[in-house]
Amino acid sequence: MSLLQRIFRARKAPSAVLGLAFDGRRVEGTLLRRTPEGLRPSGAFDAELSMDLDSGDPEALGRELRSRLDEAGLRERLCAVAVPVGSLWVTQTEIPAMSEADAVDLLQLEAEKGFHADASALQLAISRCPRPDGTQWATLAALPPARLGALERLLAAARLKPVSIGADLVELHPPATAPVSGMITLRFGAGPGPVSLQATAGGALVALRSFEADTDEGPGQAMPRPEGVAREVRITLGQLPEPWSQTLREVRVDGPLAAARSLVDGLSARLALSGFRVRCAHEPLPTEPAALAVPGVSGSPDRKVSAVIAARVLTGSVAATLEFLPPKPSVLQQFLARHAQGPRRTAWTVCGGLAGAAALAFGVQQVQLALLESRWAAVSGKVRELERIQEDLRLFRPWTAGSSRGLAILEALTSAFPENGSVTAKVIEIRESGEVVCSGTATDSPAFLAMTARLGALPGVSRVHHDQSRGSSPLQFNLRFVWDGGQAR
């Protein structure tokens, strides 16, 4: 039981996580640590790799990333990774009112149809949004297997262990922070590149996509053209069902502060007539809950995706985000995947059968032992009582009937010898045949003869005679007689 508890005990929450955010060749990182005062950043870096993940060698990029981390003094192995929305496969579908098991099967079929791939080979993340009529609108997102495999090889080469893989826009603006009426969020970077768009309502995603946009030179940097962005917003709403196609009218823009404010002005001029309200994401709504109190995460135009995803992992806030990290197989599953294939399968099947038979035999033995232990518990009291009696027998056996003949002979000799001590015995030999030999001394011959007369008159004593005698006073004698009188009284 102690071993099982060590195997299945809950893992302790990590005390530090390195957040990484990939966007093409650019990668940013923030190391957050858990302290008594809360989460605190203890290191950061911002670098541009020689190649992007789709066109470069993952192992080479991993070694390059490792060198950048070493230069920044970051040694933490646990990492949380944010990938851009443009690297995801996304599709939407409607779920009619049905049982949960049927809904799961339907989502699997929609994933295979929308992604043209086996759903079992995809790491799916699903966000469901309920509708007033009892149906649901589901957003299915998947990280392509090739890109996911390349990312895992890159992290392994960088000696990093991923604990979470999420989408950058969803990490920055999770659905749980959206108002009840819904919100459209736009995000763009500092240079030319795709614009990410997500629509959230009721605490879930209803749309997630990215699109290429023409750029203009804004205040100090490139900015997506407002007319192109407004057109994509209308296209996205036209693809959504009721009620969101008519109710989603809140738009926020996230990006470099100066460019974001300029784009807000351009979108307001083009979308205000349709009832849209456009604002900058750096100006949170009063109805939004307070974000994580981490420097660089909230309340600052310079908040980083890497810091946000690291803080999300450390605080355990995973319900409202998309998760693409594959579940880690157990040691047994890894062993079976490696060895239970091809010609080895038969051998392992036989070994498994033998192991099962051994386990069955062991189980039967344990049942038998349990039955015997129960029977022993029933008779153990009587056994202990018998052991006590046997111990008493061993203690008193010299005084039992088996050795009482010697006592009877000694009793007869004692009664025959005079009480005044005129005749004394030195050696008494009792033989198995019943013959008794006694040697001793007497003060004189009359005392000795009187003793032999008394001895011969005793019951059980016969054939009394003396072999020899020497001296007269004292007299040394050697006496013999046969005992047939039985045991002592």
Protein backbone atom coordinates (compact mmCIF):
# COMPACT_ATOMS: atom_id res chain seq x y z
CA MET A 1 0.00 0.00 0.00
CA SER A 2 2.88 2.38 0.74
CA LEU A 3 4.28 1.75 -2.75
CA LEU A 4 0.89 2.36 -4.38
CA GLN A 5 0.50 5.59 -2.44
CA ARG A 6 3.90 6.79 -3.66
CA ILE A 7 2.99 5.92 -7.27
CA PHE A 8 -0.48 7.49 -7.32
CA ARG A 9 0.03 10.42 -4.98
CA ALA A 10 -0.97 13.78 -6.37
CA ARG A 11 1.78 15.81 -7.94
CA LYS A 12 2.81 18.97 -6.18
CA ALA A 13 2.12 22.20 -8.01
CA PRO A 14 5.29 23.60 -9.61
CA SER A 15 6.98 26.48 -7.85
CA ALA A 16 8.36 28.01 -11.05
CA VAL A 17 7.39 27.89 -14.75
CA LEU A 18 9.11 29.33 -17.81
CA GLY A 19 6.55 30.84 -20.20
CA LEU A 20 7.45 30.78 -23.91
CA ALA A 21 5.55 32.48 -26.73
CA PHE A 22 6.41 31.58 -30.35
CA ASP A 23 5.49 33.80 -33.30
CA GLY A 24 7.33 32.82 -36.46
CA ARG A 25 11.04 33.12 -35.77
CA ARG A 26 10.50 35.31 -32.74
CA VAL A 27 10.28 33.82 -29.26
CA GLU A 28 9.83 35.55 -25.94
CA GLY A 29 10.17 34.06 -22.48
CA THR A 30 9.35 34.94 -18.89
CA LEU A 31 10.26 32.96 -15.79
CA LEU A 32 7.71 33.25 -12.97
CA ARG A 33 8.25 31.95 -9.45
CA ARG A 34 5.80 31.36 -6.64
CA THR A 35 6.77 33.32 -3.53
CA PRO A 36 5.01 34.03 -0.20
CA GLU A 37 4.12 37.45 -1.59
CA GLY A 38 2.66 35.98 -4.81
CA LEU A 39 3.96 35.33 -8.33
CA ARG A 40 7.11 37.23 -9.22
CA PRO A 41 9.12 37.32 -12.50
CA SER A 42 12.74 36.27 -12.03
CA GLY A 43 14.03 36.44 -15.60
CA ALA A 44 13.01 37.21 -19.17
CA PHE A 45 14.40 37.18 -22.70
CA ASP A 46 13.31 38.13 -26.22
CA ALA A 47 15.10 36.60 -29.20
CA GLU A 48 14.75 35.87 -32.88
CA LEU A 49 15.79 32.40 -34.03
CA SER A 50 17.58 31.73 -37.28
CA MET A 51 14.57 29.85 -38.72
CA ASP A 52 10.92 29.31 -37.90
CA LEU A 53 9.54 26.03 -36.66
CA ASP A 54 7.85 25.05 -39.93
CA SER A 55 10.93 25.45 -42.14
CA GLY A 56 13.82 24.71 -39.77
CA ASP A 57 15.26 21.64 -38.11
CA PRO A 58 13.55 21.30 -34.70
CA GLU A 59 16.64 19.84 -33.01
CA ALA A 60 18.88 22.63 -34.30
CA LEU A 61 16.33 25.24 -33.26
CA GLY A 62 16.10 23.61 -29.83
CA ARG A 63 19.87 23.84 -29.35
CA GLU A 64 19.77 27.47 -30.46
CA LEU A 65 16.96 28.18 -27.99
CA ARG A 66 18.95 26.47 -25.24
CA SER A 67 21.91 28.75 -25.91
CA ARG A 68 19.66 31.83 -25.74
CA LEU A 69 18.22 30.62 -22.44
CA ASP A 70 21.71 30.02 -21.05
CA GLU A 71 22.73 33.53 -22.08
CA ALA A 72 19.72 34.89 -20.17
CA GLY A 73 20.58 32.74 -17.12
CA LEU A 74 17.31 30.73 -17.30
CA ARG A 75 17.76 27.13 -16.08
CA GLU A 76 14.13 26.14 -15.32
CA ARG A 77 13.04 22.97 -17.16
CA LEU A 78 9.24 23.24 -16.77
CA CYS A 79 7.77 25.44 -19.47
CA ALA A 80 4.35 26.59 -20.73
CA VAL A 81 4.17 27.36 -24.45
CA ALA A 82 1.86 29.74 -26.32
CA VAL A 83 1.54 29.33 -30.11
CA PRO A 84 -0.05 31.83 -32.51
CA VAL A 85 -3.66 31.34 -33.62
CA GLY A 86 -2.48 31.13 -37.21
CA SER A 87 -0.74 27.82 -36.51
CA LEU A 88 -3.99 26.12 -35.44
CA TRP A 89 -6.66 24.21 -37.35
CA VAL A 90 -10.06 25.60 -36.38
CA THR A 91 -13.60 24.61 -37.33
CA GLN A 92 -17.08 25.24 -35.88
CA THR A 93 -20.20 23.12 -35.70
CA GLU A 94 -23.63 23.10 -34.12
CA ILE A 95 -24.58 20.44 -31.56
CA PRO A 96 -28.34 19.67 -31.44
CA ALA A 97 -30.03 18.80 -28.17
CA MET A 98 -28.75 15.26 -27.48
CA SER A 99 -27.05 13.14 -24.84
CA GLU A 100 -23.45 13.85 -23.88
CA ALA A 101 -22.21 10.56 -25.35
CA ASP A 102 -23.83 11.34 -28.71
CA ALA A 103 -22.41 14.87 -28.59
CA VAL A 104 -18.90 13.52 -28.12
CA ASP A 105 -19.30 11.17 -31.10
CA LEU A 106 -20.63 14.03 -33.20
CA LEU A 107 -17.65 16.22 -32.35
CA GLN A 108 -15.27 13.42 -33.32
CA LEU A 109 -17.00 13.11 -36.72
CA GLU A 110 -16.94 16.88 -37.24
CA ALA A 111 -13.23 16.98 -36.41
CA GLU A 112 -12.48 14.28 -38.98
CA LYS A 113 -14.60 16.05 -41.57
CA GLY A 114 -13.28 19.55 -40.84
CA PHE A 115 -9.60 18.66 -40.49
CA HIS A 116 -9.47 15.74 -42.98
CA ALA A 117 -7.59 13.67 -40.42
CA ASP A 118 -8.19 10.86 -37.98
CA ALA A 119 -9.56 12.48 -34.83
CA SER A 120 -7.69 9.96 -32.64
CA ALA A 121 -4.40 11.28 -34.05
CA LEU A 122 -5.28 14.91 -33.25
CA GLN A 123 -4.90 16.74 -29.96
CA LEU A 124 -8.28 18.48 -29.92
CA ALA A 125 -9.34 21.41 -27.77
CA ILE A 126 -13.09 22.12 -27.75
CA SER A 127 -14.99 25.14 -26.47
CA ARG A 128 -18.80 24.89 -26.28
CA CYS A 129 -21.19 27.82 -26.03
CA PRO A 130 -24.82 27.08 -25.05
CA ARG A 131 -27.69 28.70 -26.94
CA PRO A 132 -31.14 29.66 -25.59
CA ASP A 133 -32.90 26.90 -27.55
CA GLY A 134 -30.90 24.12 -25.84
CA THR A 135 -28.42 23.59 -28.67
CA GLN A 136 -24.70 24.36 -28.50
CA TRP A 137 -22.17 26.02 -30.77
CA ALA A 138 -18.80 24.30 -30.60
CA THR A 139 -15.41 25.62 -31.66
CA LEU A 140 -12.90 22.84 -32.38
CA ALA A 141 -9.19 23.68 -32.50
CA ALA A 142 -6.24 21.40 -33.11
CA LEU A 143 -2.51 21.86 -33.40
CA PRO A 144 -1.44 19.98 -36.59
CA PRO A 145 0.36 16.74 -35.68
CA ALA A 146 3.45 17.66 -37.70
CA ARG A 147 3.76 21.05 -35.98
CA LEU A 148 3.06 19.54 -32.55
CA GLY A 149 5.72 16.87 -33.11
CA ALA A 150 8.24 19.46 -34.27
CA LEU A 151 7.49 21.61 -31.21
CA GLU A 152 8.00 18.64 -28.88
CA ARG A 153 11.35 17.80 -30.52
CA LEU A 154 12.43 21.44 -30.26
CA LEU A 155 11.62 21.55 -26.54
CA ALA A 156 13.37 18.22 -25.94
CA ALA A 157 16.51 19.50 -27.70
CA ALA A 158 16.33 22.63 -25.50
CA ARG A 159 16.11 20.38 -22.41
CA LEU A 160 12.67 21.72 -21.55
CA LYS A 161 9.63 19.81 -20.27
CA PRO A 162 6.27 21.26 -21.40
CA VAL A 163 3.42 21.39 -18.89
CA SER A 164 0.97 23.31 -21.11
CA ILE A 165 0.53 24.36 -24.74
CA GLY A 166 -2.05 27.07 -25.47
CA ALA A 167 -3.01 29.72 -28.03
CA ASP A 168 -1.59 33.21 -27.49
CA LEU A 169 -4.78 35.24 -28.10
CA VAL A 170 -6.91 32.93 -25.92
CA GLU A 171 -4.31 33.14 -23.17
CA LEU A 172 -4.31 36.95 -23.21
CA HIS A 173 -8.09 37.27 -23.41
CA PRO A 174 -9.72 34.09 -22.11
CA PRO A 175 -13.48 33.73 -22.68
CA ALA A 176 -14.19 33.93 -18.97
CA THR A 177 -13.21 37.62 -18.97
CA ALA A 178 -15.63 38.54 -21.76
CA PRO A 179 -18.86 40.44 -20.95
CA VAL A 180 -22.12 38.51 -21.05
CA SER A 181 -23.10 40.12 -24.38
CA GLY A 182 -19.91 38.86 -26.03
CA MET A 183 -16.70 40.35 -27.35
CA ILE A 184 -14.65 40.36 -30.55
CA THR A 185 -10.91 40.66 -29.90
CA LEU A 186 -8.31 41.57 -32.53
CA ARG A 187 -4.57 41.20 -31.97
CA PHE A 188 -1.62 42.08 -34.19
CA GLY A 189 2.12 42.33 -33.72
CA ALA A 190 4.73 45.04 -34.09
CA GLY A 191 5.51 44.23 -37.73
CA PRO A 192 3.82 42.83 -40.81
CA GLY A 193 1.97 39.61 -40.11
CA PRO A 194 -1.42 38.03 -39.66
CA VAL A 195 -4.12 39.47 -37.43
CA SER A 196 -5.72 37.09 -34.93
CA LEU A 197 -9.46 37.31 -34.25
CA GLN A 198 -11.55 35.62 -31.59
CA ALA A 199 -15.18 36.02 -30.67
CA THR A 200 -16.32 35.01 -27.19
CA ALA A 201 -19.73 34.85 -25.58
CA GLY A 202 -21.18 33.15 -22.52
CA GLY A 203 -17.73 32.15 -21.25
CA ALA A 204 -16.79 30.22 -24.44
CA LEU A 205 -15.30 30.73 -27.87
CA VAL A 206 -17.67 31.18 -30.80
CA ALA A 207 -15.01 32.03 -33.42
CA LEU A 208 -11.23 31.82 -33.68
CA ARG A 209 -9.22 32.60 -36.82
CA SER A 210 -6.36 34.63 -38.27
CA PHE A 211 -6.14 36.55 -41.54
CA GLU A 212 -3.58 38.46 -43.51
CA ALA A 213 -4.11 42.23 -43.61
CA ASP A 214 -2.52 44.97 -45.63
CA THR A 215 -0.55 47.38 -43.48
CA ASP A 216 0.03 51.09 -43.42
CA GLU A 217 2.81 52.94 -41.71
CA GLY A 218 1.26 54.05 -38.45
CA PRO A 219 2.75 56.12 -35.67
CA GLY A 220 6.25 54.72 -35.56
CA GLN A 221 5.38 51.23 -36.89
CA ALA A 222 3.24 49.23 -39.31
CA MET A 223 -0.50 49.03 -38.65
CA PRO A 224 -3.19 46.86 -40.35
CA ARG A 225 -5.45 48.88 -42.63
CA PRO A 226 -8.77 49.58 -40.91
CA GLU A 227 -10.88 48.89 -44.00
CA GLY A 228 -9.44 45.38 -44.42
CA VAL A 229 -9.85 44.56 -40.73
CA ALA A 230 -13.46 45.84 -40.73
CA ARG A 231 -14.25 43.65 -43.73
CA GLU A 232 -12.89 40.54 -41.94
CA VAL A 233 -14.94 41.35 -38.86
CA ARG A 234 -18.13 41.47 -40.95
CA ILE A 235 -17.18 38.22 -42.73
CA THR A 236 -16.65 36.48 -39.39
CA LEU A 237 -20.00 37.65 -38.07
CA GLY A 238 -21.72 36.54 -41.28
CA GLN A 239 -20.46 32.98 -40.68
CA LEU A 240 -21.87 32.82 -37.13
CA PRO A 241 -25.41 31.68 -36.35
CA GLU A 242 -27.94 33.51 -34.22
CA PRO A 243 -27.87 35.08 -31.71
CA TRP A 244 -24.20 36.09 -32.05
CA SER A 245 -24.32 37.37 -35.61
CA GLN A 246 -26.60 40.16 -34.40
CA THR A 247 -25.48 40.67 -30.80
CA LEU A 248 -21.67 40.69 -31.03
CA ARG A 249 -21.01 44.43 -31.26
CA GLU A 250 -18.14 44.92 -28.77
CA VAL A 251 -14.68 45.03 -30.41
CA ARG A 252 -11.36 45.47 -28.65
CA VAL A 253 -7.96 45.85 -30.28
CA ASP A 254 -4.77 44.46 -28.74
CA GLY A 255 -1.33 45.33 -30.07
CA PRO A 256 1.41 47.92 -29.67
CA LEU A 257 -0.24 50.77 -27.82
CA ALA A 258 0.16 53.59 -30.37
CA ALA A 259 -0.81 51.40 -33.34
CA ALA A 260 -3.74 49.86 -31.41
CA ARG A 261 -5.18 53.29 -30.62
CA SER A 262 -4.79 54.38 -34.22
CA LEU A 263 -6.56 51.22 -35.46
CA VAL A 264 -9.35 51.80 -32.92
CA ASP A 265 -9.96 55.23 -34.43
CA GLY A 266 -10.03 53.80 -37.97
CA LEU A 267 -12.38 50.92 -37.06
CA SER A 268 -14.72 53.22 -35.12
CA ALA A 269 -15.18 55.37 -38.21
CA ARG A 270 -16.12 52.31 -40.31
CA LEU A 271 -18.09 50.18 -37.81
CA ALA A 272 -19.91 52.74 -35.68
CA LEU A 273 -22.82 52.98 -38.14
CA SER A 274 -23.43 49.23 -37.71
CA GLY A 275 -23.65 49.60 -33.94
CA PHE A 276 -20.12 48.44 -33.10
CA ARG A 277 -18.29 49.86 -30.10
CA VAL A 278 -14.52 49.72 -30.57
CA ARG A 279 -12.02 50.21 -27.77
CA CYS A 280 -8.37 49.54 -26.98
CA ALA A 281 -7.56 46.35 -25.05
CA HIS A 282 -5.19 48.33 -22.80
CA GLU A 283 -8.24 50.02 -21.31
CA PRO A 284 -10.12 47.17 -19.53
CA LEU A 285 -13.85 47.40 -18.99
CA PRO A 286 -15.07 48.05 -15.43
CA THR A 287 -17.09 44.81 -15.58
CA GLU A 288 -14.01 42.69 -16.26
CA PRO A 289 -12.57 40.81 -13.26
CA ALA A 290 -9.15 41.72 -11.96
CA ALA A 291 -6.37 39.90 -13.77
CA LEU A 292 -3.45 38.12 -12.18
CA ALA A 293 -1.43 40.49 -10.02
CA VAL A 294 1.88 39.82 -11.74
CA PRO A 295 4.17 42.53 -13.09
CA GLY A 296 4.08 42.40 -16.88
CA VAL A 297 0.85 40.38 -16.92
CA SER A 298 -1.94 42.86 -16.29
CA GLY A 299 -2.53 46.58 -16.23
CA SER A 300 0.37 47.34 -18.55
CA PRO A 301 0.53 47.91 -22.29
CA ASP A 302 3.66 45.78 -22.34
CA ARG A 303 2.10 42.60 -20.90
CA LYS A 304 3.63 39.46 -22.36
CA VAL A 305 1.93 36.29 -23.51
CA SER A 306 4.77 34.26 -21.97
CA ALA A 307 4.09 35.79 -18.55
CA VAL A 308 0.34 35.26 -18.88
CA ILE A 309 0.56 31.54 -19.71
CA ALA A 310 3.16 30.93 -16.99
CA ALA A 311 0.91 32.66 -14.44
CA ARG A 312 -2.09 30.67 -15.66
CA VAL A 313 -0.24 27.38 -15.07
CA LEU A 314 1.02 28.41 -11.64
CA THR A 315 -2.46 29.48 -10.52
CA GLY A 316 -4.21 26.47 -12.09
CA SER A 317 -6.59 28.61 -14.19
CA VAL A 318 -7.06 26.20 -17.10
CA ALA A 319 -10.84 25.94 -17.51
CA ALA A 320 -11.29 28.82 -19.97
CA THR A 321 -8.29 28.15 -22.22
CA LEU A 322 -7.45 25.78 -25.07
CA GLU A 323 -4.99 23.04 -24.13
CA PHE A 324 -2.97 21.19 -26.79
CA LEU A 325 -0.46 19.30 -24.67
CA PRO A 326 -0.89 15.56 -25.34
CA PRO A 327 -1.47 13.43 -22.24
CA LYS A 328 1.71 11.73 -21.13
CA PRO A 329 1.42 7.93 -21.49
CA SER A 330 2.17 5.82 -18.46
CA VAL A 331 5.31 3.69 -18.21
CA LEU A 332 3.26 0.57 -19.04
CA GLN A 333 1.75 2.22 -22.12
CA GLN A 334 5.19 3.30 -23.33
CA PHE A 335 6.52 -0.22 -22.83
CA LEU A 336 3.61 -1.78 -24.73
CA ALA A 337 3.92 0.74 -27.56
CA ARG A 338 7.61 -0.06 -27.91
CA HIS A 339 7.58 -3.85 -27.57
CA ALA A 340 4.06 -5.21 -28.24
CA GLN A 341 4.34 -5.00 -32.04
CA GLY A 342 5.16 -7.41 -34.85
CA PRO A 343 6.72 -10.78 -33.99
CA ARG A 344 7.24 -9.75 -30.36
CA ARG A 345 3.51 -9.58 -29.78
CA THR A 346 3.13 -13.37 -29.50
CA ALA A 347 6.01 -13.62 -27.05
CA TRP A 348 4.61 -10.85 -24.90
CA THR A 349 1.14 -12.41 -25.10
CA VAL A 350 2.55 -15.70 -23.79
CA CYS A 351 4.45 -13.85 -21.06
CA GLY A 352 1.29 -11.96 -20.18
CA GLY A 353 -0.66 -15.24 -19.98
CA LEU A 354 1.97 -16.78 -17.73
CA ALA A 355 2.00 -13.69 -15.57
CA GLY A 356 -1.79 -13.82 -15.37
CA ALA A 357 -1.68 -17.50 -14.39
CA ALA A 358 0.93 -16.75 -11.74
CA ALA A 359 -1.19 -13.89 -10.45
CA LEU A 360 -4.23 -16.20 -10.33
CA ALA A 361 -2.27 -18.85 -8.43
CA PHE A 362 -1.01 -16.21 -6.04
CA GLY A 363 -4.57 -15.00 -5.54
CA VAL A 364 -5.78 -18.55 -4.77
CA GLN A 365 -2.90 -18.94 -2.31
CA GLN A 366 -3.85 -15.71 -0.61
CA VAL A 367 -7.46 -16.91 -0.28
CA GLN A 368 -6.26 -20.18 1.25
CA LEU A 369 -4.01 -18.31 3.65
CA ALA A 370 -6.91 -16.10 4.67
CA LEU A 371 -9.08 -19.17 5.37
CA LEU A 372 -6.32 -20.85 7.39
CA GLU A 373 -5.76 -17.67 9.37
CA SER A 374 -9.45 -17.53 10.23
CA ARG A 375 -9.38 -21.18 11.37
CA TRP A 376 -6.26 -20.54 13.44
CA ALA A 377 -7.94 -17.58 15.11
CA ALA A 378 -10.74 -19.94 16.18
CA VAL A 379 -8.42 -22.56 17.82
CA SER A 380 -5.48 -20.41 18.89
CA GLY A 381 -6.83 -20.08 22.46
CA LYS A 382 -7.02 -23.86 22.96
CA VAL A 383 -3.55 -24.32 21.46
CA ARG A 384 -2.04 -21.85 23.90
CA GLU A 385 -3.73 -23.70 26.80
CA LEU A 386 -2.26 -27.03 25.61
CA GLU A 387 1.18 -25.49 25.32
CA ARG A 388 0.93 -24.32 28.94
CA ILE A 389 -0.03 -27.86 30.07
CA GLN A 390 2.90 -29.37 28.15
CA GLU A 391 5.26 -26.90 29.79
CA ASP A 392 3.98 -28.02 33.21
CA LEU A 393 4.48 -31.69 32.24
CA ARG A 394 8.08 -31.03 31.25
CA LEU A 395 8.62 -29.30 34.59
CA PHE A 396 7.12 -32.04 36.80
CA ARG A 397 7.90 -35.18 34.74
CA PRO A 398 10.74 -36.42 37.04
CA TRP A 399 8.13 -36.79 39.80
CA THR A 400 5.56 -38.67 37.74
CA ALA A 401 4.84 -42.45 37.83
CA GLY A 402 7.47 -43.35 35.26
CA SER A 403 10.32 -42.86 37.78
CA SER A 404 8.61 -43.81 41.14
CA ARG A 405 10.22 -47.32 41.51
CA GLY A 406 13.44 -45.76 42.72
CA LEU A 407 11.49 -43.86 45.33
CA ALA A 408 9.86 -47.13 46.51
CA ILE A 409 13.27 -48.84 46.90
CA LEU A 410 14.69 -45.88 48.79
CA GLU A 411 11.61 -45.91 51.00
CA ALA A 412 12.17 -49.62 51.82
CA LEU A 413 15.86 -49.11 52.60
CA THR A 414 15.08 -46.10 54.76
CA SER A 415 12.57 -48.12 56.85
CA ALA A 416 15.04 -51.02 57.26
CA PHE A 417 18.03 -48.92 58.35
CA PRO A 418 18.12 -48.06 62.07
CA GLU A 419 17.32 -44.51 63.09
CA ASN A 420 20.35 -44.24 65.43
CA GLY A 421 22.74 -44.20 62.46
CA SER A 422 24.53 -47.38 63.39
CA VAL A 423 24.16 -48.57 59.77
CA THR A 424 24.70 -46.13 56.89
CA ALA A 425 24.67 -46.54 53.10
CA LYS A 426 27.29 -45.01 50.80
CA VAL A 427 26.33 -46.34 47.35
CA ILE A 428 22.95 -47.59 46.15
CA GLU A 429 22.72 -49.07 42.60
CA ILE A 430 19.30 -49.88 41.17
CA ARG A 431 19.40 -52.05 38.04
CA GLU A 432 16.75 -52.53 35.34
CA SER A 433 16.26 -56.18 36.31
CA GLY A 434 15.10 -55.10 39.78
CA GLU A 435 18.33 -56.11 41.52
CA VAL A 436 19.57 -53.56 44.07
CA VAL A 437 23.19 -53.37 45.28
CA CYS A 438 23.87 -51.38 48.47
CA SER A 439 27.29 -50.84 50.08
CA GLY A 440 27.98 -49.00 53.33
CA THR A 441 29.28 -49.30 56.93
CA ALA A 442 27.92 -50.57 60.24
CA THR A 443 29.21 -50.00 63.80
CA ASP A 444 29.22 -53.72 64.47
CA SER A 445 27.99 -57.05 63.13
CA PRO A 446 24.80 -57.30 65.27
CA ALA A 447 23.56 -53.93 63.97
CA PHE A 448 24.21 -55.04 60.37
CA LEU A 449 22.42 -58.39 60.86
CA ALA A 450 19.45 -56.70 62.51
CA MET A 451 19.17 -54.35 59.47
CA THR A 452 19.27 -57.23 56.97
CA ALA A 453 16.59 -59.08 58.95
CA ARG A 454 14.28 -56.02 58.84
CA LEU A 455 15.00 -55.55 55.12
CA GLY A 456 14.20 -59.17 54.25
CA ALA A 457 10.92 -58.93 56.14
CA LEU A 458 9.67 -56.00 54.05
CA PRO A 459 7.08 -56.76 51.32
CA GLY A 460 8.51 -56.67 47.83
CA VAL A 461 12.07 -57.52 49.00
CA SER A 462 13.49 -61.02 48.34
CA ARG A 463 16.80 -62.88 48.15
CA VAL A 464 18.66 -60.66 50.53
CA HIS A 465 22.29 -61.61 51.01
CA HIS A 466 25.56 -59.89 51.51
CA ASP A 467 28.46 -60.53 49.16
CA GLN A 468 31.31 -59.67 51.49
CA SER A 469 32.23 -57.78 54.62
CA ARG A 470 35.50 -56.43 56.00
CA GLY A 471 36.47 -55.45 59.45
CA SER A 472 34.54 -55.72 62.65
CA SER A 473 34.13 -52.24 64.08
CA PRO A 474 33.31 -50.54 61.86
CA LEU A 475 32.06 -53.18 59.47
CA GLN A 476 32.15 -52.49 55.70
CA PHE A 477 29.45 -54.45 53.85
CA ASN A 478 28.20 -55.06 50.31
CA LEU A 479 24.51 -56.07 50.26
CA ARG A 480 22.30 -57.36 47.41
CA PHE A 481 18.54 -57.94 47.16
CA VAL A 482 15.80 -58.16 44.52
CA TRP A 483 12.97 -55.66 44.43
CA ASP A 484 9.61 -56.77 43.09
CA GLY A 485 7.35 -54.57 45.15
CA GLY A 486 6.26 -52.17 42.33
CA GLN A 487 5.95 -48.38 42.59
CA ALA A 488 5.99 -46.09 45.56
CA ARG A 489 2.83 -45.43 47.50
